[in-house]
Amino acid sequence: MLAAARATDLEHVAAELAAGRLRPVMERTYPLTESVDALRTLEAGRVQGKLVVRVGE
């Protein structure tokens, strides 16, 4: 199912983020050298949050 984004909805989400009441869930952070492992984890469907690939320190 796809939903159309409305400006008022996006403004509400932005306000919640700014107020600290809404936070993204980051499951794991990978260094760039392990990005293949990150993709394998994502493709396996075992991800409950976001995967982050760190490019620099």
Protein backbone atom coordinates (compact mmCIF):
# COMPACT_ATOMS: atom_id res chain seq x y z
CA MET A 1 0.00 0.00 0.00
CA LEU A 2 1.31 3.43 -0.91
CA ALA A 3 0.12 6.64 0.68
CA ALA A 4 0.49 10.13 -0.65
CA ALA A 5 2.50 12.42 1.61
CA ARG A 6 0.71 15.56 2.69
CA ALA A 7 2.58 18.66 3.78
CA THR A 8 0.71 18.79 7.09
CA ASP A 9 1.68 15.19 7.87
CA LEU A 10 5.34 15.86 7.12
CA GLU A 11 5.26 19.00 9.25
CA HIS A 12 3.81 16.99 12.14
CA VAL A 13 6.52 14.32 11.84
CA ALA A 14 9.23 17.00 11.67
CA ALA A 15 7.85 18.65 14.82
CA GLU A 16 7.79 15.32 16.68
CA LEU A 17 11.39 14.62 15.64
CA ALA A 18 12.51 18.10 16.72
CA ALA A 19 10.79 17.69 20.09
CA GLY A 20 12.51 14.34 20.67
CA ARG A 21 9.24 12.39 20.85
CA LEU A 22 10.01 10.37 17.74
CA ARG A 23 13.27 8.57 17.10
CA PRO A 24 14.35 6.24 14.31
CA VAL A 25 15.36 2.74 15.38
CA MET A 26 18.86 1.88 14.22
CA GLU A 27 19.53 -1.82 14.54
CA ARG A 28 23.20 -1.81 13.70
CA THR A 29 26.00 0.35 12.32
CA TYR A 30 28.46 -1.15 9.86
CA PRO A 31 31.78 0.31 8.71
CA LEU A 32 31.98 0.82 4.94
CA THR A 33 34.28 -2.20 4.68
CA GLU A 34 31.41 -4.41 5.90
CA SER A 35 28.72 -2.99 3.62
CA VAL A 36 28.32 -6.35 1.87
CA ASP A 37 27.40 -7.91 5.23
CA ALA A 38 24.88 -5.12 5.78
CA LEU A 39 23.24 -5.86 2.43
CA ARG A 40 23.12 -9.58 3.19
CA THR A 41 21.43 -8.88 6.51
CA LEU A 42 18.92 -6.60 4.81
CA GLU A 43 18.16 -9.08 2.04
CA ALA A 44 17.66 -11.89 4.57
CA GLY A 45 14.79 -9.91 6.09
CA ARG A 46 16.19 -10.00 9.62
CA VAL A 47 16.18 -6.25 10.13
CA GLN A 48 13.90 -4.68 12.74
CA GLY A 49 15.21 -1.11 12.39
CA LYS A 50 17.52 0.79 10.09
CA LEU A 51 20.98 -0.32 9.08
CA VAL A 52 23.62 2.38 8.98
CA VAL A 53 26.76 2.19 6.84
CA ARG A 54 29.43 4.50 8.22
CA VAL A 55 31.51 6.14 5.48
CA GLY A 56 34.00 8.04 7.63
CA GLU A 57 34.94 8.49 11.25
